[in-house]
Amino acid sequence: YEPRTLMTNTDGSEILSSGKLGTIDRINAYTGAIIKSYSTGSKKLIVHTFLSPDNKKLICGYNDGTTILWDISNLEKITPIEININKQRLTTATFNVAGDMLATVTQDSIINIWTGNDLKQPANAGTITVSGAVKFLLISNDGKSLYYSTERGAINSLSISDKKISNIFLSKTTPLCLSYSKQKNQVAAGFSDGKVRVFNLADNSFKLINEHSTRVEQIMFNKTN
């Protein structure tokens, strides 16, 4: 099948793969043999997958609008939890650093916030409708704000408590990728025109740090940043 997400365990002996047939497989990294497969019991196609920073949660969006949060902290017993978001197809999602908050966006441009003790039983903590199709989403260190970009070129901040949206930057080109530095409280964005900008979230200032001749599709801070 076509794999959608690949990750390894701590010693590199196993690969965890989510496939388009709706299964998650544990694979021996040395032989390629499937150790065990986990399924929701259906053949729904996985269209999007997102991994938590601590590698303990995997959220999958399926083609029929189902969204499944997989607890993969124990590879011997992977637990699926279905999240009800009105059967709208998942387009993007993100976890906070602590792993106890999740934000999801569906194709109708609705952001849902999920909280709970280690997200074992996630509860909806808020629903916000935004303008434009959301491409990328980030949660602030303190869990009080969201930062997101749209296909129309906007990078916005959203206060979770009062649902206030503030524009940080508006570009004539599309932000294709985002990366978040928790140490510096910054977001780096790569754009379709080849520009790379770094935004200081404390005061919403930014600087242009590089220009490429082609579009920037991947960007990240190193571990020290």
C-alpha atoms as a PDB file:
ATOM      1  CA  TYR A   1       0.000   0.000   0.000  1.00  0.00           C
ATOM      2  CA  GLU A   2       0.991   3.650  -0.236  1.00  0.00           C
ATOM      3  CA  PRO A   3       2.473   4.789   3.119  1.00  0.00           C
ATOM      4  CA  ARG A   4       1.374   8.178   4.443  1.00  0.00           C
ATOM      5  CA  THR A   5       3.489   8.447   7.615  1.00  0.00           C
ATOM      6  CA  LEU A   6       6.714   6.738   8.655  1.00  0.00           C
ATOM      7  CA  MET A   7       8.477   6.900  12.022  1.00  0.00           C
ATOM      8  CA  THR A   8      10.957   4.742  13.920  1.00  0.00           C
ATOM      9  CA  ASN A   9      11.100   3.626  17.535  1.00  0.00           C
ATOM     10  CA  THR A  10      13.887   4.811  19.841  1.00  0.00           C
ATOM     11  CA  ASP A  11      16.448   2.167  18.849  1.00  0.00           C
ATOM     12  CA  GLY A  12      15.579   2.193  15.150  1.00  0.00           C
ATOM     13  CA  SER A  13      14.618  -1.481  15.039  1.00  0.00           C
ATOM     14  CA  GLU A  14      10.995  -0.866  14.049  1.00  0.00           C
ATOM     15  CA  ILE A  15       9.120   1.406  11.652  1.00  0.00           C
ATOM     16  CA  LEU A  16       5.558   2.578  12.245  1.00  0.00           C
ATOM     17  CA  SER A  17       3.685   3.192   9.010  1.00  0.00           C
ATOM     18  CA  SER A  18       0.172   4.453   8.359  1.00  0.00           C
ATOM     19  CA  GLY A  19      -1.210   3.416   5.006  1.00  0.00           C
ATOM     20  CA  LYS A  20      -3.963   4.531   2.671  1.00  0.00           C
ATOM     21  CA  LEU A  21      -6.021   1.428   3.529  1.00  0.00           C
ATOM     22  CA  GLY A  22      -6.637   2.739   7.035  1.00  0.00           C
ATOM     23  CA  THR A  23      -4.174   0.508   8.856  1.00  0.00           C
ATOM     24  CA  ILE A  24      -1.132   1.241  10.998  1.00  0.00           C
ATOM     25  CA  ASP A  25       1.652  -1.331  10.651  1.00  0.00           C
ATOM     26  CA  ARG A  26       4.652  -2.145  12.825  1.00  0.00           C
ATOM     27  CA  ILE A  27       7.477  -3.159  10.495  1.00  0.00           C
ATOM     28  CA  ASN A  28      10.834  -4.766  11.237  1.00  0.00           C
ATOM     29  CA  ALA A  29      13.332  -2.158  10.003  1.00  0.00           C
ATOM     30  CA  TYR A  30      15.912  -4.808   9.087  1.00  0.00           C
ATOM     31  CA  THR A  31      13.767  -7.350   7.237  1.00  0.00           C
ATOM     32  CA  GLY A  32      10.786  -5.269   6.126  1.00  0.00           C
ATOM     33  CA  ALA A  33       8.393  -7.840   7.600  1.00  0.00           C
ATOM     34  CA  ILE A  34       5.170  -6.604   9.195  1.00  0.00           C
ATOM     35  CA  ILE A  35       5.207  -7.412  12.921  1.00  0.00           C
ATOM     36  CA  LYS A  36       1.621  -6.410  13.590  1.00  0.00           C
ATOM     37  CA  SER A  37      -1.174  -4.417  11.921  1.00  0.00           C
ATOM     38  CA  TYR A  38      -3.712  -2.225  13.674  1.00  0.00           C
ATOM     39  CA  SER A  39      -6.987  -1.186  12.107  1.00  0.00           C
ATOM     40  CA  THR A  40     -10.199   0.655  12.922  1.00  0.00           C
ATOM     41  CA  GLY A  41     -12.030  -2.234  11.269  1.00  0.00           C
ATOM     42  CA  SER A  42     -12.786  -0.422   8.026  1.00  0.00           C
ATOM     43  CA  LYS A  43     -11.078   0.188   4.684  1.00  0.00           C
ATOM     44  CA  LYS A  44     -11.310   3.973   4.861  1.00  0.00           C
ATOM     45  CA  LEU A  45      -8.548   5.762   2.985  1.00  0.00           C
ATOM     46  CA  ILE A  46      -6.130   7.868   5.044  1.00  0.00           C
ATOM     47  CA  VAL A  47      -5.705  11.281   3.433  1.00  0.00           C
ATOM     48  CA  HIS A  48      -3.738  13.130   6.149  1.00  0.00           C
ATOM     49  CA  THR A  49      -1.578  12.094   9.107  1.00  0.00           C
ATOM     50  CA  PHE A  50       0.114  14.202  11.787  1.00  0.00           C
ATOM     51  CA  LEU A  51       2.521  13.073  14.504  1.00  0.00           C
ATOM     52  CA  SER A  52       2.848  14.608  17.984  1.00  0.00           C
ATOM     53  CA  PRO A  53       6.261  16.096  19.000  1.00  0.00           C
ATOM     54  CA  ASP A  54       6.817  13.326  21.579  1.00  0.00           C
ATOM     55  CA  ASN A  55       5.987  10.581  19.019  1.00  0.00           C
ATOM     56  CA  LYS A  56       3.220   9.268  21.295  1.00  0.00           C
ATOM     57  CA  LYS A  57       0.153  10.318  19.288  1.00  0.00           C
ATOM     58  CA  LEU A  58      -0.765  10.033  15.644  1.00  0.00           C
ATOM     59  CA  ILE A  59      -3.861  11.655  14.205  1.00  0.00           C
ATOM     60  CA  CYS A  60      -5.271  10.402  10.910  1.00  0.00           C
ATOM     61  CA  GLY A  61      -7.912  11.995   8.723  1.00  0.00           C
ATOM     62  CA  TYR A  62      -9.887   9.619   6.497  1.00  0.00           C
ATOM     63  CA  ASN A  63     -11.607  10.271   3.189  1.00  0.00           C
ATOM     64  CA  ASP A  64     -15.116   9.899   4.649  1.00  0.00           C
ATOM     65  CA  GLY A  65     -14.526  12.659   7.242  1.00  0.00           C
ATOM     66  CA  THR A  66     -13.645  10.332  10.123  1.00  0.00           C
ATOM     67  CA  THR A  67     -10.771  11.515  12.317  1.00  0.00           C
ATOM     68  CA  ILE A  68      -8.892   8.978  14.461  1.00  0.00           C
ATOM     69  CA  LEU A  69      -6.427   9.828  17.228  1.00  0.00           C
ATOM     70  CA  TRP A  70      -4.046   6.885  17.756  1.00  0.00           C
ATOM     71  CA  ASP A  71      -2.247   6.443  21.085  1.00  0.00           C
ATOM     72  CA  ILE A  72       1.087   4.941  20.002  1.00  0.00           C
ATOM     73  CA  SER A  73       2.952   5.366  23.310  1.00  0.00           C
ATOM     74  CA  ASN A  74       2.848   1.578  23.754  1.00  0.00           C
ATOM     75  CA  LEU A  75       3.527  -0.208  20.463  1.00  0.00           C
ATOM     76  CA  GLU A  76       2.221  -3.466  21.948  1.00  0.00           C
ATOM     77  CA  LYS A  77      -1.221  -1.924  22.291  1.00  0.00           C
ATOM     78  CA  ILE A  78      -2.026   0.910  19.900  1.00  0.00           C
ATOM     79  CA  THR A  79      -5.342   2.484  20.842  1.00  0.00           C
ATOM     80  CA  PRO A  80      -7.628   4.290  18.341  1.00  0.00           C
ATOM     81  CA  ILE A  81      -9.927   7.081  19.573  1.00  0.00           C
ATOM     82  CA  GLU A  82     -12.481   8.534  17.157  1.00  0.00           C
ATOM     83  CA  ILE A  83     -12.915  12.298  17.358  1.00  0.00           C
ATOM     84  CA  ASN A  84     -16.276  13.610  16.226  1.00  0.00           C
ATOM     85  CA  ILE A  85     -15.875  16.739  14.109  1.00  0.00           C
ATOM     86  CA  ASN A  86     -19.097  16.594  12.101  1.00  0.00           C
ATOM     87  CA  LYS A  87     -17.643  14.239   9.481  1.00  0.00           C
ATOM     88  CA  GLN A  88     -15.847  17.055   7.683  1.00  0.00           C
ATOM     89  CA  ARG A  89     -12.544  15.960   6.165  1.00  0.00           C
ATOM     90  CA  LEU A  90      -9.441  16.808   8.187  1.00  0.00           C
ATOM     91  CA  THR A  91      -7.052  19.177   6.359  1.00  0.00           C
ATOM     92  CA  THR A  92      -4.381  19.881   8.991  1.00  0.00           C
ATOM     93  CA  ALA A  93      -3.684  19.373  12.697  1.00  0.00           C
ATOM     94  CA  THR A  94      -1.087  20.116  15.345  1.00  0.00           C
ATOM     95  CA  PHE A  95      -0.193  19.140  18.919  1.00  0.00           C
ATOM     96  CA  ASN A  96       1.278  21.318  21.644  1.00  0.00           C
ATOM     97  CA  VAL A  97       4.719  20.497  23.026  1.00  0.00           C
ATOM     98  CA  ALA A  98       3.340  18.845  26.190  1.00  0.00           C
ATOM     99  CA  GLY A  99       1.067  16.571  24.169  1.00  0.00           C
ATOM    100  CA  ASP A 100      -2.115  17.405  26.106  1.00  0.00           C
ATOM    101  CA  MET A 101      -3.666  19.776  23.540  1.00  0.00           C
ATOM    102  CA  LEU A 102      -4.605  19.169  19.926  1.00  0.00           C
ATOM    103  CA  ALA A 103      -5.930  21.533  17.273  1.00  0.00           C
ATOM    104  CA  THR A 104      -7.629  20.226  14.136  1.00  0.00           C
ATOM    105  CA  VAL A 105      -8.849  22.009  11.007  1.00  0.00           C
ATOM    106  CA  THR A 106     -11.475  20.633   8.643  1.00  0.00           C
ATOM    107  CA  GLN A 107     -12.252  21.481   5.027  1.00  0.00           C
ATOM    108  CA  ASP A 108     -15.004  23.891   6.104  1.00  0.00           C
ATOM    109  CA  SER A 109     -12.313  26.120   7.766  1.00  0.00           C
ATOM    110  CA  ILE A 110     -13.396  25.227  11.300  1.00  0.00           C
ATOM    111  CA  ILE A 111     -10.701  24.895  13.971  1.00  0.00           C
ATOM    112  CA  ASN A 112     -11.454  22.572  16.889  1.00  0.00           C
ATOM    113  CA  ILE A 113      -9.412  22.590  20.100  1.00  0.00           C
ATOM    114  CA  TRP A 114      -9.072  19.307  22.025  1.00  0.00           C
ATOM    115  CA  THR A 115      -7.716  18.949  25.553  1.00  0.00           C
ATOM    116  CA  GLY A 116      -7.503  16.231  28.177  1.00  0.00           C
ATOM    117  CA  ASN A 117      -5.163  14.273  30.402  1.00  0.00           C
ATOM    118  CA  ASP A 118      -2.559  13.150  27.849  1.00  0.00           C
ATOM    119  CA  LEU A 119      -5.450  13.234  25.324  1.00  0.00           C
ATOM    120  CA  LYS A 120      -6.572   9.763  26.449  1.00  0.00           C
ATOM    121  CA  GLN A 121     -10.167  11.038  26.446  1.00  0.00           C
ATOM    122  CA  PRO A 122     -10.039  14.256  24.383  1.00  0.00           C
ATOM    123  CA  ALA A 123     -12.755  16.832  25.060  1.00  0.00           C
ATOM    124  CA  ASN A 124     -13.671  19.665  22.704  1.00  0.00           C
ATOM    125  CA  ALA A 125     -12.492  22.889  24.357  1.00  0.00           C
ATOM    126  CA  GLY A 126     -13.566  25.283  21.633  1.00  0.00           C
ATOM    127  CA  THR A 127     -14.662  25.703  18.023  1.00  0.00           C
ATOM    128  CA  ILE A 128     -13.587  28.634  15.850  1.00  0.00           C
ATOM    129  CA  THR A 129     -14.557  29.393  12.255  1.00  0.00           C
ATOM    130  CA  VAL A 130     -11.900  31.252  10.270  1.00  0.00           C
ATOM    131  CA  SER A 131     -11.792  32.822   6.819  1.00  0.00           C
ATOM    132  CA  GLY A 132      -9.885  31.037   4.084  1.00  0.00           C
ATOM    133  CA  ALA A 133      -8.454  27.558   3.744  1.00  0.00           C
ATOM    134  CA  VAL A 134      -5.944  26.863   6.546  1.00  0.00           C
ATOM    135  CA  LYS A 135      -2.673  25.287   5.380  1.00  0.00           C
ATOM    136  CA  PHE A 136      -0.569  25.178   8.566  1.00  0.00           C
ATOM    137  CA  LEU A 137      -1.324  25.400  12.277  1.00  0.00           C
ATOM    138  CA  LEU A 138       0.807  25.851  15.410  1.00  0.00           C
ATOM    139  CA  ILE A 139       0.025  26.030  19.147  1.00  0.00           C
ATOM    140  CA  SER A 140       1.951  28.477  21.353  1.00  0.00           C
ATOM    141  CA  ASN A 141       4.070  27.266  24.269  1.00  0.00           C
ATOM    142  CA  ASP A 142       1.539  28.458  26.863  1.00  0.00           C
ATOM    143  CA  GLY A 143      -1.410  26.940  25.005  1.00  0.00           C
ATOM    144  CA  LYS A 144      -3.198  30.295  24.853  1.00  0.00           C
ATOM    145  CA  SER A 145      -2.788  31.052  21.159  1.00  0.00           C
ATOM    146  CA  LEU A 146      -2.809  29.446  17.741  1.00  0.00           C
ATOM    147  CA  TYR A 147      -0.787  30.560  14.738  1.00  0.00           C
ATOM    148  CA  TYR A 148      -1.949  29.576  11.285  1.00  0.00           C
ATOM    149  CA  SER A 149      -1.386  30.359   7.619  1.00  0.00           C
ATOM    150  CA  THR A 150      -3.884  30.359   4.771  1.00  0.00           C
ATOM    151  CA  GLU A 151      -3.761  29.713   1.050  1.00  0.00           C
ATOM    152  CA  ARG A 152      -4.477  33.413   0.537  1.00  0.00           C
ATOM    153  CA  GLY A 153      -1.079  34.346   2.012  1.00  0.00           C
ATOM    154  CA  ALA A 154      -2.107  35.350   5.537  1.00  0.00           C
ATOM    155  CA  ILE A 155      -0.292  34.376   8.731  1.00  0.00           C
ATOM    156  CA  ASN A 156      -2.575  34.999  11.726  1.00  0.00           C
ATOM    157  CA  SER A 157      -2.619  34.595  15.483  1.00  0.00           C
ATOM    158  CA  LEU A 158      -5.754  33.408  17.256  1.00  0.00           C
ATOM    159  CA  SER A 159      -6.468  33.833  20.962  1.00  0.00           C
ATOM    160  CA  ILE A 160      -8.106  30.632  22.191  1.00  0.00           C
ATOM    161  CA  SER A 161      -9.886  32.276  25.151  1.00  0.00           C
ATOM    162  CA  ASP A 162     -11.691  35.097  23.329  1.00  0.00           C
ATOM    163  CA  LYS A 163     -11.363  33.767  19.745  1.00  0.00           C
ATOM    164  CA  LYS A 164      -9.800  37.047  18.604  1.00  0.00           C
ATOM    165  CA  ILE A 165      -7.894  36.821  15.326  1.00  0.00           C
ATOM    166  CA  SER A 166      -4.996  39.161  14.558  1.00  0.00           C
ATOM    167  CA  ASN A 167      -3.087  39.322  11.297  1.00  0.00           C
ATOM    168  CA  ILE A 168       0.700  39.011  11.613  1.00  0.00           C
ATOM    169  CA  PHE A 169       1.587  39.132   7.936  1.00  0.00           C
ATOM    170  CA  LEU A 170      -0.148  39.195   4.564  1.00  0.00           C
ATOM    171  CA  SER A 171       1.727  38.066   1.475  1.00  0.00           C
ATOM    172  CA  LYS A 172       0.823  38.039  -2.190  1.00  0.00           C
ATOM    173  CA  THR A 173       2.315  34.545  -2.309  1.00  0.00           C
ATOM    174  CA  THR A 174       1.344  31.407  -0.384  1.00  0.00           C
ATOM    175  CA  PRO A 175       3.150  30.219   2.773  1.00  0.00           C
ATOM    176  CA  LEU A 176       4.054  26.621   1.895  1.00  0.00           C
ATOM    177  CA  CYS A 177       5.679  25.545   5.161  1.00  0.00           C
ATOM    178  CA  LEU A 178       6.057  26.639   8.783  1.00  0.00           C
ATOM    179  CA  SER A 179       8.421  25.730  11.603  1.00  0.00           C
ATOM    180  CA  TYR A 180       8.151  26.712  15.265  1.00  0.00           C
ATOM    181  CA  SER A 181      10.968  27.405  17.726  1.00  0.00           C
ATOM    182  CA  LYS A 182       9.734  27.076  21.295  1.00  0.00           C
ATOM    183  CA  GLN A 183      13.042  28.385  22.699  1.00  0.00           C
ATOM    184  CA  LYS A 184      12.981  31.622  20.697  1.00  0.00           C
ATOM    185  CA  ASN A 185       9.187  31.882  20.391  1.00  0.00           C
ATOM    186  CA  GLN A 186       9.506  32.319  16.640  1.00  0.00           C
ATOM    187  CA  VAL A 187       7.884  30.976  13.514  1.00  0.00           C
ATOM    188  CA  ALA A 188       9.790  30.571  10.265  1.00  0.00           C
ATOM    189  CA  ALA A 189       7.806  30.498   7.037  1.00  0.00           C
ATOM    190  CA  GLY A 190       8.799  29.490   3.506  1.00  0.00           C
ATOM    191  CA  PHE A 191       6.813  31.008   0.634  1.00  0.00           C
ATOM    192  CA  SER A 192       5.989  30.034  -2.923  1.00  0.00           C
ATOM    193  CA  ASP A 193       8.135  32.903  -4.260  1.00  0.00           C
ATOM    194  CA  GLY A 194      11.260  31.509  -2.541  1.00  0.00           C
ATOM    195  CA  LYS A 195      11.327  33.941   0.370  1.00  0.00           C
ATOM    196  CA  VAL A 196      11.977  32.811   3.964  1.00  0.00           C
ATOM    197  CA  ARG A 197      10.747  35.008   6.803  1.00  0.00           C
ATOM    198  CA  VAL A 198      11.186  34.609  10.570  1.00  0.00           C
ATOM    199  CA  PHE A 199       8.451  36.043  12.788  1.00  0.00           C
ATOM    200  CA  ASN A 200       9.013  37.033  16.424  1.00  0.00           C
ATOM    201  CA  LEU A 201       5.750  36.059  18.122  1.00  0.00           C
ATOM    202  CA  ALA A 202       6.385  38.295  21.155  1.00  0.00           C
ATOM    203  CA  ASP A 203       5.911  41.494  19.129  1.00  0.00           C
ATOM    204  CA  ASN A 204       4.824  40.184  15.676  1.00  0.00           C
ATOM    205  CA  SER A 205       7.942  41.611  14.035  1.00  0.00           C
ATOM    206  CA  PHE A 206       9.661  39.705  11.229  1.00  0.00           C
ATOM    207  CA  LYS A 207      12.802  39.682   9.134  1.00  0.00           C
ATOM    208  CA  LEU A 208      13.565  38.366   5.678  1.00  0.00           C
ATOM    209  CA  ILE A 209      16.481  35.973   6.074  1.00  0.00           C
ATOM    210  CA  ASN A 210      16.837  34.412   2.631  1.00  0.00           C
ATOM    211  CA  GLU A 211      15.557  34.382  -0.921  1.00  0.00           C
ATOM    212  CA  HIS A 212      15.648  31.281  -3.097  1.00  0.00           C
ATOM    213  CA  SER A 213      15.122  31.087  -6.817  1.00  0.00           C
ATOM    214  CA  THR A 214      12.417  28.476  -6.368  1.00  0.00           C
ATOM    215  CA  ARG A 215       9.575  27.836  -3.918  1.00  0.00           C
ATOM    216  CA  VAL A 216      10.406  26.742  -0.358  1.00  0.00           C
ATOM    217  CA  GLU A 217       8.490  23.586   0.585  1.00  0.00           C
ATOM    218  CA  GLN A 218      10.283  22.426   3.759  1.00  0.00           C
ATOM    219  CA  ILE A 219      11.721  24.438   6.639  1.00  0.00           C
ATOM    220  CA  MET A 220      12.822  23.679  10.207  1.00  0.00           C
ATOM    221  CA  PHE A 221      14.765  25.032  13.153  1.00  0.00           C
ATOM    222  CA  ASN A 222      17.646  22.918  14.454  1.00  0.00           C
ATOM    223  CA  LYS A 223      17.351  21.324  17.901  1.00  0.00           C
ATOM    224  CA  THR A 224      19.336  24.068  19.673  1.00  0.00           C
ATOM    225  CA  ASN A 225      16.826  26.655  18.467  1.00  0.00           C
END
